[in-house]
PDB file of N, CA and C in Angstrom:
ATOM      1  N   UNK A   1      13.358  51.017 -64.165  1.00  0.00           N
ATOM      2  CA  UNK A   1      12.949  51.370 -63.009  1.00  0.00           C
ATOM      3  C   UNK A   1      12.514  52.770 -63.108  1.00  0.00           C
ATOM      4  N   UNK A   2      13.345  53.704 -63.694  1.00  0.00           N
ATOM      5  CA  UNK A   2      13.134  55.247 -63.635  1.00  0.00           C
ATOM      6  C   UNK A   2      11.716  55.756 -64.296  1.00  0.00           C
ATOM      7  N   UNK A   3      11.515  54.808 -65.384  1.00  0.00           N
ATOM      8  CA  UNK A   3      10.331  54.967 -66.118  1.00  0.00           C
ATOM      9  C   UNK A   3       9.028  54.649 -65.331  1.00  0.00           C
ATOM     10  N   UNK A   4       8.927  53.544 -64.839  1.00  0.00           N
ATOM     11  CA  UNK A   4       7.770  53.141 -63.975  1.00  0.00           C
ATOM     12  C   UNK A   4       7.736  54.160 -62.635  1.00  0.00           C
ATOM     13  N   UNK A   5       8.550  54.452 -62.086  1.00  0.00           N
ATOM     14  CA  UNK A   5       8.540  55.443 -60.928  1.00  0.00           C
ATOM     15  C   UNK A   5       7.993  56.790 -61.516  1.00  0.00           C
ATOM     16  N   UNK A   6       8.423  57.211 -62.712  1.00  0.00           N
ATOM     17  CA  UNK A   6       7.951  58.505 -63.199  1.00  0.00           C
ATOM     18  C   UNK A   6       6.506  58.235 -63.753  1.00  0.00           C
ATOM     19  N   UNK A   7       6.195  57.205 -63.984  1.00  0.00           N
ATOM     20  CA  UNK A   7       4.730  56.878 -64.898  1.00  0.00           C
ATOM     21  C   UNK A   7       3.997  56.904 -63.200  1.00  0.00           C
ATOM     22  N   UNK A   8       4.241  56.109 -62.384  1.00  0.00           N
ATOM     23  CA  UNK A   8       3.338  56.398 -61.105  1.00  0.00           C
ATOM     24  C   UNK A   8       3.245  57.780 -60.502  1.00  0.00           C
ATOM     25  N   UNK A   9       4.306  58.386 -60.676  1.00  0.00           N
ATOM     26  CA  UNK A   9       4.296  60.007 -59.948  1.00  0.00           C
ATOM     27  C   UNK A   9       3.149  60.694 -60.805  1.00  0.00           C
ATOM     28  N   UNK A  10       3.077  60.459 -62.161  1.00  0.00           N
ATOM     29  CA  UNK A  10       1.836  61.081 -63.009  1.00  0.00           C
ATOM     30  C   UNK A  10       0.618  60.241 -63.002  1.00  0.00           C
ATOM     31  N   UNK A  11       0.361  59.250 -62.089  1.00  0.00           N
ATOM     32  CA  UNK A  11      -0.964  58.695 -61.912  1.00  0.00           C
ATOM     33  C   UNK A  11      -0.983  57.491 -62.629  1.00  0.00           C
ATOM     34  N   UNK A  12       0.015  56.810 -63.121  1.00  0.00           N
ATOM     35  CA  UNK A  12      -0.027  55.547 -63.928  1.00  0.00           C
ATOM     36  C   UNK A  12      -0.127  54.353 -62.654  1.00  0.00           C
ATOM     37  N   UNK A  13      -0.831  53.373 -63.344  1.00  0.00           N
ATOM     38  CA  UNK A  13      -0.726  52.126 -62.380  1.00  0.00           C
ATOM     39  C   UNK A  13       0.276  51.004 -63.228  1.00  0.00           C
ATOM     40  N   UNK A  14       1.053  50.508 -62.509  1.00  0.00           N
ATOM     41  CA  UNK A  14       2.244  49.751 -63.199  1.00  0.00           C
ATOM     42  C   UNK A  14       2.044  48.316 -62.574  1.00  0.00           C
ATOM     43  N   UNK A  15       1.805  47.345 -63.146  1.00  0.00           N
ATOM     44  CA  UNK A  15       1.513  46.029 -62.718  1.00  0.00           C
ATOM     45  C   UNK A  15       2.777  45.198 -63.326  1.00  0.00           C
ATOM     46  N   UNK A  16       3.534  44.719 -62.307  1.00  0.00           N
ATOM     47  CA  UNK A  16       4.703  43.621 -62.731  1.00  0.00           C
ATOM     48  C   UNK A  16       4.334  42.111 -62.391  1.00  0.00           C
ATOM     49  N   UNK A  17       5.019  41.302 -63.231  1.00  0.00           N
ATOM     50  CA  UNK A  17       5.097  39.893 -63.073  1.00  0.00           C
ATOM     51  C   UNK A  17       3.574  39.428 -63.393  1.00  0.00           C
ATOM     52  N   UNK A  18       2.783  40.230 -64.233  1.00  0.00           N
ATOM     53  CA  UNK A  18       1.445  39.823 -64.764  1.00  0.00           C
ATOM     54  C   UNK A  18       1.570  39.526 -66.133  1.00  0.00           C
ATOM     55  N   UNK A  19       1.577  38.426 -66.456  1.00  0.00           N
ATOM     56  CA  UNK A  19       1.974  38.099 -68.047  1.00  0.00           C
ATOM     57  C   UNK A  19       0.760  38.598 -68.972  1.00  0.00           C
ATOM     58  N   UNK A  20       0.782  39.208 -70.022  1.00  0.00           N
ATOM     59  CA  UNK A  20      -0.306  39.803 -70.800  1.00  0.00           C
ATOM     60  C   UNK A  20      -0.443  38.690 -72.102  1.00  0.00           C
ATOM     61  N   UNK A  21      -1.705  38.285 -72.146  1.00  0.00           N
ATOM     62  CA  UNK A  21      -1.844  37.279 -73.298  1.00  0.00           C
ATOM     63  C   UNK A  21      -2.347  37.996 -74.524  1.00  0.00           C
ATOM     64  N   UNK A  22      -2.942  39.297 -74.544  1.00  0.00           N
ATOM     65  CA  UNK A  22      -3.319  40.020 -75.699  1.00  0.00           C
ATOM     66  C   UNK A  22      -3.847  41.257 -75.225  1.00  0.00           C
ATOM     67  N   UNK A  23      -3.823  42.293 -76.368  1.00  0.00           N
ATOM     68  CA  UNK A  23      -4.148  43.378 -75.926  1.00  0.00           C
ATOM     69  C   UNK A  23      -5.868  43.509 -76.657  1.00  0.00           C
ATOM     70  N   UNK A  24      -6.713  44.195 -75.854  1.00  0.00           N
ATOM     71  CA  UNK A  24      -8.030  44.170 -76.122  1.00  0.00           C
ATOM     72  C   UNK A  24      -8.013  45.635 -76.901  1.00  0.00           C
ATOM     73  N   UNK A  25      -8.876  45.611 -77.945  1.00  0.00           N
ATOM     74  CA  UNK A  25      -9.275  46.536 -78.950  1.00  0.00           C
ATOM     75  C   UNK A  25     -10.575  46.799 -79.027  1.00  0.00           C
ATOM     76  N   UNK A  26     -11.047  48.009 -79.345  1.00  0.00           N
ATOM     77  CA  UNK A  26     -12.355  48.397 -79.616  1.00  0.00           C
ATOM     78  C   UNK A  26     -12.505  49.164 -80.857  1.00  0.00           C
ATOM     79  N   UNK A  27     -13.779  49.332 -81.428  1.00  0.00           N
ATOM     80  CA  UNK A  27     -13.983  50.212 -82.703  1.00  0.00           C
ATOM     81  C   UNK A  27     -13.781  51.631 -82.405  1.00  0.00           C
ATOM     82  N   UNK A  28     -13.200  52.387 -83.139  1.00  0.00           N
ATOM     83  CA  UNK A  28     -13.241  53.908 -83.121  1.00  0.00           C
ATOM     84  C   UNK A  28     -14.402  54.366 -83.874  1.00  0.00           C
ATOM     85  N   UNK A  29     -14.332  55.654 -84.098  1.00  0.00           N
ATOM     86  CA  UNK A  29     -15.445  56.435 -85.035  1.00  0.00           C
ATOM     87  C   UNK A  29     -15.110  56.413 -86.386  1.00  0.00           C
ATOM     88  N   UNK A  30     -13.785  55.977 -86.770  1.00  0.00           N
ATOM     89  CA  UNK A  30     -13.476  55.777 -88.191  1.00  0.00           C
ATOM     90  C   UNK A  30     -13.858  54.616 -88.639  1.00  0.00           C
ATOM     91  N   UNK A  31     -14.738  54.264 -89.495  1.00  0.00           N
ATOM     92  CA  UNK A  31     -14.926  52.710 -89.919  1.00  0.00           C
ATOM     93  C   UNK A  31     -13.746  51.971 -90.307  1.00  0.00           C
ATOM     94  N   UNK A  32     -13.685  50.745 -89.699  1.00  0.00           N
ATOM     95  CA  UNK A  32     -12.556  49.812 -90.018  1.00  0.00           C
ATOM     96  C   UNK A  32     -11.378  50.144 -89.127  1.00  0.00           C
ATOM     97  N   UNK A  33     -11.358  50.888 -88.339  1.00  0.00           N
ATOM     98  CA  UNK A  33     -10.299  51.314 -87.231  1.00  0.00           C
ATOM     99  C   UNK A  33     -10.313  50.849 -86.073  1.00  0.00           C
ATOM    100  N   UNK A  34      -9.603  50.482 -85.263  1.00  0.00           N
ATOM    101  CA  UNK A  34      -9.545  50.101 -83.734  1.00  0.00           C
ATOM    102  C   UNK A  34      -8.577  50.926 -83.033  1.00  0.00           C
ATOM    103  N   UNK A  35      -8.656  50.771 -81.862  1.00  0.00           N
ATOM    104  CA  UNK A  35      -7.710  51.117 -80.673  1.00  0.00           C
ATOM    105  C   UNK A  35      -7.670  50.548 -79.676  1.00  0.00           C
ATOM    106  N   UNK A  36      -6.511  50.547 -78.949  1.00  0.00           N
ATOM    107  CA  UNK A  36      -6.232  49.581 -77.765  1.00  0.00           C
ATOM    108  C   UNK A  36      -7.108  50.152 -76.778  1.00  0.00           C
ATOM    109  N   UNK A  37      -7.926  49.216 -75.950  1.00  0.00           N
ATOM    110  CA  UNK A  37      -8.836  49.710 -74.809  1.00  0.00           C
ATOM    111  C   UNK A  37      -8.279  48.896 -73.520  1.00  0.00           C
ATOM    112  N   UNK A  38      -7.262  48.132 -73.421  1.00  0.00           N
ATOM    113  CA  UNK A  38      -6.830  47.515 -72.264  1.00  0.00           C
ATOM    114  C   UNK A  38      -6.194  46.125 -72.563  1.00  0.00           C
ATOM    115  N   UNK A  39      -5.972  45.267 -71.654  1.00  0.00           N
ATOM    116  CA  UNK A  39      -5.125  44.034 -71.877  1.00  0.00           C
ATOM    117  C   UNK A  39      -5.811  42.853 -71.206  1.00  0.00           C
ATOM    118  N   UNK A  40      -5.796  41.539 -71.713  1.00  0.00           N
ATOM    119  CA  UNK A  40      -6.228  40.429 -70.818  1.00  0.00           C
ATOM    120  C   UNK A  40      -4.812  39.592 -70.408  1.00  0.00           C
ATOM    121  N   UNK A  41      -4.866  39.401 -69.294  1.00  0.00           N
ATOM    122  CA  UNK A  41      -3.735  38.640 -68.672  1.00  0.00           C
ATOM    123  C   UNK A  41      -3.885  37.178 -68.758  1.00  0.00           C
ATOM    124  N   UNK A  42      -2.794  36.483 -68.600  1.00  0.00           N
ATOM    125  CA  UNK A  42      -2.861  35.176 -68.752  1.00  0.00           C
ATOM    126  C   UNK A  42      -3.734  34.294 -68.092  1.00  0.00           C
ATOM    127  N   UNK A  43      -4.030  34.822 -66.886  1.00  0.00           N
ATOM    128  CA  UNK A  43      -4.984  34.211 -65.751  1.00  0.00           C
ATOM    129  C   UNK A  43      -6.360  34.499 -66.285  1.00  0.00           C
ATOM    130  N   UNK A  44      -6.645  35.225 -67.397  1.00  0.00           N
ATOM    131  CA  UNK A  44      -7.963  35.521 -67.809  1.00  0.00           C
ATOM    132  C   UNK A  44      -8.543  36.946 -67.394  1.00  0.00           C
ATOM    133  N   UNK A  45      -7.897  37.605 -66.368  1.00  0.00           N
ATOM    134  CA  UNK A  45      -8.457  38.882 -66.018  1.00  0.00           C
ATOM    135  C   UNK A  45      -8.287  39.969 -67.140  1.00  0.00           C
ATOM    136  N   UNK A  46      -9.310  40.849 -67.071  1.00  0.00           N
ATOM    137  CA  UNK A  46      -9.183  42.035 -68.248  1.00  0.00           C
ATOM    138  C   UNK A  46      -9.025  43.330 -67.416  1.00  0.00           C
ATOM    139  N   UNK A  47      -8.050  44.155 -68.001  1.00  0.00           N
ATOM    140  CA  UNK A  47      -7.898  45.409 -67.511  1.00  0.00           C
ATOM    141  C   UNK A  47      -7.981  46.423 -68.549  1.00  0.00           C
ATOM    142  N   UNK A  48      -9.016  47.338 -68.317  1.00  0.00           N
ATOM    143  CA  UNK A  48      -9.261  48.248 -69.379  1.00  0.00           C
ATOM    144  C   UNK A  48      -8.515  49.630 -69.053  1.00  0.00           C
ATOM    145  N   UNK A  49      -7.938  50.154 -70.132  1.00  0.00           N
ATOM    146  CA  UNK A  49      -7.278  51.337 -70.007  1.00  0.00           C
ATOM    147  C   UNK A  49      -7.305  52.352 -71.041  1.00  0.00           C
ATOM    148  N   UNK A  50      -7.146  53.577 -70.706  1.00  0.00           N
ATOM    149  CA  UNK A  50      -7.043  54.538 -71.825  1.00  0.00           C
ATOM    150  C   UNK A  50      -6.106  54.577 -72.633  1.00  0.00           C
ATOM    151  N   UNK A  51      -4.866  54.078 -71.945  1.00  0.00           N
ATOM    152  CA  UNK A  51      -3.744  53.991 -72.603  1.00  0.00           C
ATOM    153  C   UNK A  51      -3.018  52.729 -72.404  1.00  0.00           C
ATOM    154  N   UNK A  52      -2.602  52.231 -73.493  1.00  0.00           N
ATOM    155  CA  UNK A  52      -1.804  50.781 -73.167  1.00  0.00           C
ATOM    156  C   UNK A  52      -0.356  51.061 -73.840  1.00  0.00           C
ATOM    157  N   UNK A  53       0.620  50.700 -73.016  1.00  0.00           N
ATOM    158  CA  UNK A  53       2.059  50.735 -73.350  1.00  0.00           C
ATOM    159  C   UNK A  53       2.499  49.476 -73.633  1.00  0.00           C
ATOM    160  N   UNK A  54       3.017  49.020 -74.822  1.00  0.00           N
ATOM    161  CA  UNK A  54       3.551  47.762 -74.724  1.00  0.00           C
ATOM    162  C   UNK A  54       5.156  47.818 -74.390  1.00  0.00           C
ATOM    163  N   UNK A  55       5.333  47.230 -73.320  1.00  0.00           N
ATOM    164  CA  UNK A  55       6.708  46.971 -72.742  1.00  0.00           C
ATOM    165  C   UNK A  55       7.323  45.625 -72.737  1.00  0.00           C
ATOM    166  N   UNK A  56       6.788  44.681 -73.683  1.00  0.00           N
ATOM    167  CA  UNK A  56       7.160  43.486 -73.845  1.00  0.00           C
ATOM    168  C   UNK A  56       8.535  43.242 -74.170  1.00  0.00           C
ATOM    169  N   UNK A  57       9.409  43.978 -74.554  1.00  0.00           N
ATOM    170  CA  UNK A  57      10.872  43.737 -74.762  1.00  0.00           C
ATOM    171  C   UNK A  57      10.754  42.895 -76.013  1.00  0.00           C
ATOM    172  N   UNK A  58      11.523  41.666 -75.773  1.00  0.00           N
ATOM    173  CA  UNK A  58      11.651  41.075 -77.142  1.00  0.00           C
ATOM    174  C   UNK A  58      10.376  40.360 -77.692  1.00  0.00           C
ATOM    175  N   UNK A  59       9.196  40.389 -76.975  1.00  0.00           N
ATOM    176  CA  UNK A  59       7.916  39.850 -77.132  1.00  0.00           C
ATOM    177  C   UNK A  59       7.097  40.806 -77.705  1.00  0.00           C
ATOM    178  N   UNK A  60       7.639  42.258 -77.881  1.00  0.00           N
ATOM    179  CA  UNK A  60       6.627  43.404 -78.383  1.00  0.00           C
ATOM    180  C   UNK A  60       5.923  42.940 -79.650  1.00  0.00           C
ATOM    181  N   UNK A  61       6.626  42.353 -80.576  1.00  0.00           N
ATOM    182  CA  UNK A  61       6.154  42.327 -82.008  1.00  0.00           C
ATOM    183  C   UNK A  61       5.035  41.019 -81.680  1.00  0.00           C
ATOM    184  N   UNK A  62       5.088  40.152 -80.949  1.00  0.00           N
ATOM    185  CA  UNK A  62       4.113  39.106 -80.902  1.00  0.00           C
ATOM    186  C   UNK A  62       2.864  39.746 -80.238  1.00  0.00           C
ATOM    187  N   UNK A  63       2.988  40.523 -79.191  1.00  0.00           N
ATOM    188  CA  UNK A  63       2.070  41.095 -78.289  1.00  0.00           C
ATOM    189  C   UNK A  63       1.298  42.174 -79.316  1.00  0.00           C
ATOM    190  N   UNK A  64       1.782  42.891 -79.971  1.00  0.00           N
ATOM    191  CA  UNK A  64       1.119  43.849 -80.956  1.00  0.00           C
ATOM    192  C   UNK A  64       0.409  43.202 -81.930  1.00  0.00           C
ATOM    193  N   UNK A  65       0.918  42.122 -82.541  1.00  0.00           N
ATOM    194  CA  UNK A  65       0.009  41.271 -83.381  1.00  0.00           C
ATOM    195  C   UNK A  65      -1.276  40.772 -82.948  1.00  0.00           C
ATOM    196  N   UNK A  66      -1.428  40.500 -81.439  1.00  0.00           N
ATOM    197  CA  UNK A  66      -2.697  40.262 -80.964  1.00  0.00           C
ATOM    198  C   UNK A  66      -3.602  41.361 -81.061  1.00  0.00           C
ATOM    199  N   UNK A  67      -3.157  42.534 -81.259  1.00  0.00           N
ATOM    200  CA  UNK A  67      -4.151  43.735 -81.602  1.00  0.00           C
ATOM    201  C   UNK A  67      -4.281  44.068 -82.864  1.00  0.00           C
ATOM    202  N   UNK A  68      -3.697  43.142 -84.017  1.00  0.00           N
ATOM    203  CA  UNK A  68      -3.552  43.429 -85.276  1.00  0.00           C
ATOM    204  C   UNK A  68      -2.773  44.549 -85.827  1.00  0.00           C
ATOM    205  N   UNK A  69      -1.610  44.901 -84.974  1.00  0.00           N
ATOM    206  CA  UNK A  69      -0.415  45.879 -85.292  1.00  0.00           C
ATOM    207  C   UNK A  69       0.707  45.364 -85.649  1.00  0.00           C
ATOM    208  N   UNK A  70       1.503  46.004 -86.463  1.00  0.00           N
ATOM    209  CA  UNK A  70       2.808  45.464 -86.956  1.00  0.00           C
ATOM    210  C   UNK A  70       3.863  46.343 -86.139  1.00  0.00           C
ATOM    211  N   UNK A  71       4.782  45.765 -85.609  1.00  0.00           N
ATOM    212  CA  UNK A  71       6.122  46.519 -84.967  1.00  0.00           C
ATOM    213  C   UNK A  71       7.302  46.022 -85.530  1.00  0.00           C
ATOM    214  N   UNK A  72       8.206  47.131 -85.832  1.00  0.00           N
ATOM    215  CA  UNK A  72       9.316  46.671 -86.752  1.00  0.00           C
ATOM    216  C   UNK A  72      10.185  46.049 -85.648  1.00  0.00           C
ATOM    217  N   UNK A  73      10.855  45.007 -85.778  1.00  0.00           N
ATOM    218  CA  UNK A  73      11.984  44.601 -84.876  1.00  0.00           C
ATOM    219  C   UNK A  73      13.432  44.954 -85.536  1.00  0.00           C
ATOM    220  N   UNK A  74      14.248  45.374 -84.959  1.00  0.00           N
ATOM    221  CA  UNK A  74      15.364  45.554 -85.505  1.00  0.00           C
ATOM    222  C   UNK A  74      16.613  45.194 -84.877  1.00  0.00           C
ATOM    223  N   UNK A  75      17.495  44.203 -85.331  1.00  0.00           N
ATOM    224  CA  UNK A  75      18.532  43.518 -84.389  1.00  0.00           C
ATOM    225  C   UNK A  75      19.871  44.275 -84.473  1.00  0.00           C
ATOM    226  N   UNK A  76      20.035  45.460 -85.040  1.00  0.00           N
ATOM    227  CA  UNK A  76      21.083  46.118 -85.159  1.00  0.00           C
ATOM    228  C   UNK A  76      21.760  46.485 -86.366  1.00  0.00           C
ATOM    229  N   UNK A  77      23.111  46.826 -86.436  1.00  0.00           N
ATOM    230  CA  UNK A  77      23.415  47.264 -87.897  1.00  0.00           C
ATOM    231  C   UNK A  77      23.428  46.287 -88.877  1.00  0.00           C
TER     232      UNK A  77
END
């Protein structure tokens, strides 16, 4: 909760209990590269954003894959 409180203090909008189905990407100026441009919620709404933070916890890897990214998952020693 402290992270979301601090984010709000600096102007972020934090949405809770809004399941995300995928990360929306858009092309960059570098050919073949893409950047996160927002998210699509399970109810079909799209939210554009300059910055997308993946806070999906144990589902972070699967969510990152919707944007074509790989996230290392590490289960401990």
